[in-house]
Amino acid sequence: MTDPISGVGATYATSGASSTVDRTDQNSKDMFLKLLVAQMRYQDPSNPASTTEFMSQTATFTQVEKLEELATQNASLVTLQKSLSAGALVGHTVSWTDENGATQTGTVSSVRFGDDEPTAVVGGKDVPFGRLSAISVPND
């Protein structure tokens, strides 16, 4: 009985070491499910886990799954909020610090969305939002 358990430990240690490089979230539902299956496979037949323990583990698995869904939804909401905020800058006068450290001022003509944060287009130049130092209301 000792050999399969240490074999499982070695297998999981190896996959855990390689997944540390590839994945940033180590508390995933896949890992939890693998541990649950390993526990069920190698449990002592003369002293099996109680149904209460399995119900608790199943409930925990469901919670992990729902938390991952919430994290994904929150990320989508943050992206949407950034987009809405960026779009509201069109027509506003902004100030920013350029690459040389000088303060520039201009009116936002449009906003570009990419993989990174949105950029404001001011006088044909792309200005990252992180460089903006002031925003003023357009003169109407």
N, C-alpha and C. Protein backbone atom coordinates (compact mmCIF):
# COMPACT_ATOMS: atom_id res chain seq x y z
N MET A 1 0.82 -1.19 0.00
CA MET A 1 0.00 0.00 0.00
C MET A 1 0.87 1.25 0.00
N THR A 2 2.08 1.17 0.57
CA THR A 2 2.96 2.33 0.66
C THR A 2 3.45 2.76 -0.72
N ASP A 3 3.76 1.80 -1.61
CA ASP A 3 4.30 2.14 -2.92
C ASP A 3 3.34 3.00 -3.75
N PRO A 4 2.04 2.64 -3.88
CA PRO A 4 1.17 3.49 -4.69
C PRO A 4 1.04 4.90 -4.13
N ILE A 5 1.02 5.03 -2.81
CA ILE A 5 0.87 6.36 -2.23
C ILE A 5 2.10 7.21 -2.52
N SER A 6 3.29 6.66 -2.32
CA SER A 6 4.49 7.44 -2.61
C SER A 6 4.59 7.69 -4.11
N GLY A 7 4.10 6.77 -4.93
CA GLY A 7 4.09 6.98 -6.38
C GLY A 7 3.19 8.15 -6.74
N VAL A 8 2.03 8.23 -6.08
CA VAL A 8 1.12 9.34 -6.33
C VAL A 8 1.76 10.64 -5.89
N GLY A 9 2.41 10.62 -4.72
CA GLY A 9 3.08 11.83 -4.24
C GLY A 9 4.14 12.31 -5.21
N ALA A 10 4.91 11.37 -5.75
CA ALA A 10 5.96 11.74 -6.69
C ALA A 10 5.35 12.30 -7.96
N THR A 11 4.29 11.69 -8.45
CA THR A 11 3.64 12.16 -9.66
C THR A 11 3.09 13.57 -9.45
N TYR A 12 2.41 13.79 -8.34
CA TYR A 12 1.84 15.11 -8.10
C TYR A 12 2.91 16.15 -7.84
N ALA A 13 3.99 15.75 -7.18
CA ALA A 13 5.07 16.70 -6.94
C ALA A 13 5.68 17.14 -8.26
N THR A 14 5.84 16.20 -9.19
CA THR A 14 6.41 16.54 -10.49
C THR A 14 5.49 17.45 -11.26
N SER A 15 4.19 17.12 -11.31
CA SER A 15 3.27 17.97 -12.05
C SER A 15 3.09 19.31 -11.37
N GLY A 16 3.18 19.35 -10.05
CA GLY A 16 3.08 20.61 -9.33
C GLY A 16 4.25 21.52 -9.62
N ALA A 17 5.44 20.92 -9.74
CA ALA A 17 6.63 21.72 -10.02
C ALA A 17 6.55 22.34 -11.40
N SER A 18 6.07 21.57 -12.39
CA SER A 18 5.99 22.13 -13.73
C SER A 18 4.84 23.11 -13.86
N SER A 19 3.75 22.90 -13.12
CA SER A 19 2.62 23.82 -13.23
C SER A 19 2.88 25.12 -12.50
N THR A 20 3.84 25.14 -11.57
CA THR A 20 4.17 26.38 -10.89
C THR A 20 4.70 27.39 -11.90
N VAL A 21 5.43 26.93 -12.87
CA VAL A 21 5.97 27.81 -13.90
C VAL A 21 4.87 28.25 -14.84
N ASP A 22 3.98 27.33 -15.21
CA ASP A 22 2.97 27.60 -16.22
C ASP A 22 1.75 28.34 -15.68
N ARG A 23 1.39 28.12 -14.42
CA ARG A 23 0.14 28.66 -13.90
C ARG A 23 0.40 29.58 -12.72
N THR A 24 -0.39 30.64 -12.65
CA THR A 24 -0.26 31.55 -11.53
C THR A 24 -1.23 31.20 -10.41
N ASP A 25 -2.33 30.53 -10.73
CA ASP A 25 -3.30 30.21 -9.68
C ASP A 25 -3.17 28.74 -9.33
N GLN A 26 -2.61 28.46 -8.17
CA GLN A 26 -2.34 27.10 -7.74
C GLN A 26 -3.54 26.47 -7.03
N ASN A 27 -4.55 27.24 -6.68
CA ASN A 27 -5.72 26.71 -5.98
C ASN A 27 -6.87 26.50 -6.95
N SER A 28 -6.59 25.87 -8.06
CA SER A 28 -7.61 25.69 -9.08
C SER A 28 -8.50 24.50 -8.77
N LYS A 29 -9.63 24.48 -9.43
CA LYS A 29 -10.56 23.37 -9.23
C LYS A 29 -9.99 22.07 -9.78
N ASP A 30 -9.13 22.17 -10.81
CA ASP A 30 -8.51 20.96 -11.35
C ASP A 30 -7.62 20.29 -10.31
N MET A 31 -6.83 21.09 -9.61
CA MET A 31 -5.95 20.54 -8.58
C MET A 31 -6.78 19.92 -7.46
N PHE A 32 -7.84 20.62 -7.05
CA PHE A 32 -8.70 20.11 -5.99
C PHE A 32 -9.32 18.78 -6.41
N LEU A 33 -9.78 18.71 -7.65
CA LEU A 33 -10.41 17.49 -8.14
C LEU A 33 -9.40 16.34 -8.20
N LYS A 34 -8.17 16.61 -8.63
CA LYS A 34 -7.14 15.58 -8.66
C LYS A 34 -6.85 15.05 -7.26
N LEU A 35 -6.78 15.95 -6.29
CA LEU A 35 -6.53 15.51 -4.92
C LEU A 35 -7.70 14.68 -4.39
N LEU A 36 -8.92 15.07 -4.71
CA LEU A 36 -10.09 14.33 -4.26
C LEU A 36 -10.11 12.93 -4.86
N VAL A 37 -9.82 12.83 -6.15
CA VAL A 37 -9.80 11.52 -6.82
C VAL A 37 -8.69 10.65 -6.23
N ALA A 38 -7.51 11.23 -5.99
CA ALA A 38 -6.41 10.47 -5.40
C ALA A 38 -6.78 9.98 -4.01
N GLN A 39 -7.45 10.82 -3.24
CA GLN A 39 -7.88 10.42 -1.90
C GLN A 39 -8.86 9.26 -1.97
N MET A 40 -9.80 9.33 -2.90
CA MET A 40 -10.79 8.26 -3.03
C MET A 40 -10.12 6.97 -3.51
N ARG A 41 -9.19 7.09 -4.43
CA ARG A 41 -8.53 5.91 -4.99
C ARG A 41 -7.68 5.17 -3.97
N TYR A 42 -7.00 5.90 -3.11
CA TYR A 42 -6.05 5.29 -2.18
C TYR A 42 -6.52 5.26 -0.72
N GLN A 43 -7.82 5.42 -0.53
CA GLN A 43 -8.29 5.36 0.86
C GLN A 43 -8.23 3.92 1.38
N ASP A 44 -8.18 3.79 2.66
CA ASP A 44 -8.10 2.49 3.32
C ASP A 44 -9.47 1.82 3.21
N PRO A 45 -9.56 0.65 2.53
CA PRO A 45 -10.86 -0.01 2.37
C PRO A 45 -11.49 -0.43 3.70
N SER A 46 -10.67 -0.68 4.72
CA SER A 46 -11.24 -1.08 5.99
C SER A 46 -11.74 0.13 6.80
N ASN A 47 -11.36 1.32 6.38
CA ASN A 47 -11.79 2.53 7.07
C ASN A 47 -12.05 3.63 6.04
N PRO A 48 -13.10 3.46 5.20
CA PRO A 48 -13.35 4.45 4.13
C PRO A 48 -13.79 5.80 4.71
N ALA A 49 -13.62 6.81 3.90
CA ALA A 49 -14.05 8.15 4.32
C ALA A 49 -15.56 8.17 4.45
N SER A 50 -16.04 8.95 5.39
CA SER A 50 -17.49 9.01 5.62
C SER A 50 -18.17 9.85 4.54
N THR A 51 -19.46 9.63 4.40
CA THR A 51 -20.22 10.41 3.42
C THR A 51 -20.23 11.89 3.79
N THR A 52 -20.16 12.18 5.07
CA THR A 52 -20.12 13.58 5.51
C THR A 52 -18.86 14.27 5.00
N GLU A 53 -17.73 13.56 5.06
CA GLU A 53 -16.47 14.11 4.55
C GLU A 53 -16.57 14.38 3.06
N PHE A 54 -17.14 13.43 2.31
CA PHE A 54 -17.26 13.61 0.87
C PHE A 54 -18.23 14.74 0.53
N MET A 55 -19.29 14.87 1.28
CA MET A 55 -20.24 15.97 1.05
C MET A 55 -19.55 17.31 1.31
N SER A 56 -18.75 17.35 2.36
CA SER A 56 -18.01 18.57 2.68
C SER A 56 -17.03 18.91 1.57
N GLN A 57 -16.32 17.91 1.05
CA GLN A 57 -15.36 18.14 -0.02
C GLN A 57 -16.06 18.55 -1.32
N THR A 58 -17.23 17.96 -1.58
CA THR A 58 -17.99 18.34 -2.75
C THR A 58 -18.47 19.78 -2.64
N ALA A 59 -18.91 20.17 -1.46
CA ALA A 59 -19.34 21.54 -1.24
C ALA A 59 -18.17 22.51 -1.42
N THR A 60 -17.01 22.13 -0.94
CA THR A 60 -15.82 22.96 -1.11
C THR A 60 -15.47 23.07 -2.59
N PHE A 61 -15.56 21.98 -3.32
CA PHE A 61 -15.29 21.99 -4.76
C PHE A 61 -16.23 22.95 -5.47
N THR A 62 -17.51 22.91 -5.10
CA THR A 62 -18.49 23.81 -5.70
C THR A 62 -18.17 25.26 -5.39
N GLN A 63 -17.74 25.53 -4.16
CA GLN A 63 -17.36 26.90 -3.78
C GLN A 63 -16.17 27.38 -4.59
N VAL A 64 -15.18 26.53 -4.78
CA VAL A 64 -14.01 26.90 -5.58
C VAL A 64 -14.43 27.23 -7.01
N GLU A 65 -15.30 26.41 -7.56
CA GLU A 65 -15.80 26.62 -8.91
C GLU A 65 -16.53 27.96 -9.03
N LYS A 66 -17.39 28.26 -8.08
CA LYS A 66 -18.16 29.51 -8.10
C LYS A 66 -17.25 30.72 -7.90
N LEU A 67 -16.24 30.58 -7.06
CA LEU A 67 -15.30 31.69 -6.85
C LEU A 67 -14.52 31.98 -8.13
N GLU A 68 -14.17 30.96 -8.88
CA GLU A 68 -13.49 31.18 -10.15
C GLU A 68 -14.42 31.90 -11.13
N GLU A 69 -15.70 31.54 -11.15
CA GLU A 69 -16.66 32.22 -12.01
C GLU A 69 -16.78 33.69 -11.61
N LEU A 70 -16.85 33.95 -10.30
CA LEU A 70 -16.93 35.34 -9.83
C LEU A 70 -15.69 36.14 -10.21
N ALA A 71 -14.53 35.54 -10.11
CA ALA A 71 -13.29 36.23 -10.48
C ALA A 71 -13.30 36.59 -11.97
N THR A 72 -13.78 35.68 -12.80
CA THR A 72 -13.86 35.94 -14.24
C THR A 72 -14.86 37.06 -14.52
N GLN A 73 -16.01 37.04 -13.85
CA GLN A 73 -17.00 38.08 -14.04
C GLN A 73 -16.48 39.44 -13.56
N ASN A 74 -15.77 39.46 -12.45
CA ASN A 74 -15.20 40.71 -11.95
C ASN A 74 -14.17 41.27 -12.92
N ALA A 75 -13.36 40.41 -13.51
CA ALA A 75 -12.37 40.86 -14.49
C ALA A 75 -13.08 41.48 -15.69
N SER A 76 -14.18 40.89 -16.12
CA SER A 76 -14.95 41.44 -17.24
C SER A 76 -15.55 42.79 -16.87
N LEU A 77 -16.03 42.91 -15.64
CA LEU A 77 -16.61 44.18 -15.20
C LEU A 77 -15.55 45.29 -15.13
N VAL A 78 -14.36 44.94 -14.67
CA VAL A 78 -13.28 45.93 -14.61
C VAL A 78 -12.92 46.40 -16.01
N THR A 79 -12.85 45.47 -16.96
CA THR A 79 -12.55 45.83 -18.35
C THR A 79 -13.64 46.73 -18.92
N LEU A 80 -14.88 46.42 -18.65
CA LEU A 80 -15.99 47.25 -19.11
C LEU A 80 -15.93 48.64 -18.49
N GLN A 81 -15.62 48.71 -17.19
CA GLN A 81 -15.52 50.00 -16.51
C GLN A 81 -14.39 50.84 -17.11
N LYS A 82 -13.26 50.22 -17.39
CA LYS A 82 -12.15 50.95 -18.02
C LYS A 82 -12.58 51.48 -19.39
N SER A 83 -13.30 50.68 -20.15
CA SER A 83 -13.76 51.09 -21.48
C SER A 83 -14.72 52.27 -21.38
N LEU A 84 -15.65 52.20 -20.46
CA LEU A 84 -16.61 53.30 -20.29
C LEU A 84 -15.91 54.58 -19.84
N SER A 85 -14.98 54.44 -18.91
CA SER A 85 -14.24 55.61 -18.43
C SER A 85 -13.39 56.20 -19.55
N ALA A 86 -12.77 55.34 -20.33
CA ALA A 86 -11.93 55.81 -21.43
C ALA A 86 -12.77 56.55 -22.47
N GLY A 87 -13.91 56.00 -22.83
CA GLY A 87 -14.77 56.64 -23.81
C GLY A 87 -15.28 58.00 -23.36
N ALA A 88 -15.44 58.17 -22.06
CA ALA A 88 -15.92 59.46 -21.54
C ALA A 88 -14.89 60.57 -21.67
N LEU A 89 -13.63 60.23 -21.94
CA LEU A 89 -12.59 61.25 -22.09
C LEU A 89 -12.60 61.95 -23.43
N VAL A 90 -13.26 61.39 -24.43
CA VAL A 90 -13.28 61.99 -25.75
C VAL A 90 -13.87 63.40 -25.65
N GLY A 91 -13.12 64.38 -26.19
CA GLY A 91 -13.55 65.78 -26.17
C GLY A 91 -13.03 66.54 -24.96
N HIS A 92 -12.45 65.86 -23.99
CA HIS A 92 -11.90 66.53 -22.81
C HIS A 92 -10.44 66.94 -23.06
N THR A 93 -10.04 67.99 -22.38
CA THR A 93 -8.65 68.42 -22.42
C THR A 93 -7.89 67.68 -21.33
N VAL A 94 -6.75 67.12 -21.70
CA VAL A 94 -5.95 66.35 -20.74
C VAL A 94 -4.52 66.88 -20.72
N SER A 95 -3.87 66.65 -19.61
CA SER A 95 -2.44 66.93 -19.47
C SER A 95 -1.75 65.62 -19.16
N TRP A 96 -0.54 65.46 -19.66
CA TRP A 96 0.22 64.25 -19.41
C TRP A 96 1.70 64.56 -19.46
N THR A 97 2.48 63.64 -18.93
CA THR A 97 3.93 63.76 -18.95
C THR A 97 4.45 62.89 -20.08
N ASP A 98 5.19 63.50 -21.01
CA ASP A 98 5.72 62.74 -22.14
C ASP A 98 6.99 61.98 -21.75
N GLU A 99 7.59 61.31 -22.71
CA GLU A 99 8.77 60.48 -22.46
C GLU A 99 9.96 61.29 -21.95
N ASN A 100 10.01 62.59 -22.30
CA ASN A 100 11.11 63.46 -21.88
C ASN A 100 10.87 64.12 -20.53
N GLY A 101 9.71 63.87 -19.93
CA GLY A 101 9.38 64.46 -18.63
C GLY A 101 8.68 65.79 -18.72
N ALA A 102 8.39 66.26 -19.94
CA ALA A 102 7.70 67.54 -20.13
C ALA A 102 6.19 67.33 -20.06
N THR A 103 5.50 68.33 -19.53
CA THR A 103 4.04 68.27 -19.45
C THR A 103 3.45 68.75 -20.77
N GLN A 104 2.56 67.94 -21.32
CA GLN A 104 1.88 68.26 -22.58
C GLN A 104 0.39 68.40 -22.29
N THR A 105 -0.30 69.16 -23.13
CA THR A 105 -1.75 69.35 -22.99
C THR A 105 -2.39 69.24 -24.36
N GLY A 106 -3.58 68.66 -24.42
CA GLY A 106 -4.32 68.55 -25.67
C GLY A 106 -5.70 67.98 -25.44
N THR A 107 -6.47 67.94 -26.52
CA THR A 107 -7.84 67.43 -26.44
C THR A 107 -7.88 66.00 -26.98
N VAL A 108 -8.56 65.14 -26.25
CA VAL A 108 -8.67 63.73 -26.64
C VAL A 108 -9.63 63.63 -27.82
N SER A 109 -9.13 63.11 -28.95
CA SER A 109 -9.98 62.97 -30.14
C SER A 109 -10.62 61.58 -30.22
N SER A 110 -9.92 60.59 -29.66
CA SER A 110 -10.47 59.22 -29.64
C SER A 110 -9.72 58.40 -28.60
N VAL A 111 -10.17 57.18 -28.42
CA VAL A 111 -9.54 56.26 -27.48
C VAL A 111 -9.31 54.95 -28.21
N ARG A 112 -8.14 54.35 -27.99
CA ARG A 112 -7.82 53.05 -28.60
C ARG A 112 -7.78 51.99 -27.50
N PHE A 113 -8.35 50.84 -27.83
CA PHE A 113 -8.36 49.72 -26.91
C PHE A 113 -7.48 48.62 -27.46
N GLY A 114 -6.60 48.11 -26.63
CA GLY A 114 -5.73 47.01 -27.03
C GLY A 114 -5.70 45.98 -25.93
N ASP A 115 -4.66 45.16 -25.94
CA ASP A 115 -4.50 44.13 -24.91
C ASP A 115 -4.15 44.75 -23.57
N ASP A 116 -3.39 45.84 -23.61
CA ASP A 116 -3.02 46.52 -22.38
C ASP A 116 -4.11 47.53 -22.04
N GLU A 117 -3.76 48.53 -21.25
CA GLU A 117 -4.73 49.55 -20.89
C GLU A 117 -5.06 50.41 -22.11
N PRO A 118 -6.23 51.04 -22.12
CA PRO A 118 -6.59 51.90 -23.25
C PRO A 118 -5.63 53.09 -23.35
N THR A 119 -5.54 53.66 -24.55
CA THR A 119 -4.73 54.85 -24.76
C THR A 119 -5.60 55.95 -25.34
N ALA A 120 -5.35 57.17 -24.90
CA ALA A 120 -6.06 58.34 -25.43
C ALA A 120 -5.28 58.84 -26.64
N VAL A 121 -6.00 59.21 -27.69
CA VAL A 121 -5.35 59.79 -28.87
C VAL A 121 -5.49 61.30 -28.76
N VAL A 122 -4.35 61.98 -28.62
CA VAL A 122 -4.33 63.43 -28.46
C VAL A 122 -3.39 64.00 -29.52
N GLY A 123 -3.95 64.78 -30.45
CA GLY A 123 -3.13 65.35 -31.51
C GLY A 123 -2.41 64.30 -32.33
N GLY A 124 -3.05 63.14 -32.53
CA GLY A 124 -2.47 62.06 -33.32
C GLY A 124 -1.49 61.18 -32.55
N LYS A 125 -1.23 61.50 -31.28
CA LYS A 125 -0.31 60.71 -30.45
C LYS A 125 -1.10 59.81 -29.51
N ASP A 126 -0.62 58.60 -29.32
CA ASP A 126 -1.21 57.70 -28.34
C ASP A 126 -0.62 58.02 -26.96
N VAL A 127 -1.50 58.32 -26.00
CA VAL A 127 -1.07 58.64 -24.64
C VAL A 127 -1.63 57.57 -23.71
N PRO A 128 -0.76 56.76 -23.09
CA PRO A 128 -1.26 55.75 -22.14
C PRO A 128 -1.97 56.43 -20.96
N PHE A 129 -3.02 55.81 -20.48
CA PHE A 129 -3.79 56.40 -19.38
C PHE A 129 -2.94 56.61 -18.13
N GLY A 130 -1.95 55.78 -17.93
CA GLY A 130 -1.08 55.92 -16.77
C GLY A 130 -0.27 57.20 -16.77
N ARG A 131 -0.11 57.83 -17.92
CA ARG A 131 0.65 59.08 -18.03
C ARG A 131 -0.22 60.32 -17.83
N LEU A 132 -1.54 60.17 -17.86
CA LEU A 132 -2.42 61.33 -17.70
C LEU A 132 -2.28 61.89 -16.28
N SER A 133 -2.15 63.22 -16.20
CA SER A 133 -2.01 63.86 -14.90
C SER A 133 -3.18 64.77 -14.57
N ALA A 134 -3.93 65.22 -15.59
CA ALA A 134 -5.09 66.09 -15.34
C ALA A 134 -6.10 65.94 -16.47
N ILE A 135 -7.37 66.06 -16.11
CA ILE A 135 -8.47 66.01 -17.08
C ILE A 135 -9.38 67.18 -16.76
N SER A 136 -9.72 67.96 -17.79
CA SER A 136 -10.62 69.08 -17.56
C SER A 136 -11.85 68.96 -18.46
N VAL A 137 -12.92 69.58 -18.01
CA VAL A 137 -14.20 69.53 -18.72
C VAL A 137 -14.08 70.36 -20.01
N PRO A 138 -14.63 69.87 -21.11
CA PRO A 138 -14.54 70.62 -22.37
C PRO A 138 -15.27 71.96 -22.26
N ASN A 139 -14.78 72.95 -22.97
CA ASN A 139 -15.42 74.27 -22.97
C ASN A 139 -16.54 74.28 -24.00
N ASP A 140 -17.78 74.33 -23.56
CA ASP A 140 -18.92 74.38 -24.47
C ASP A 140 -19.60 75.71 -24.40
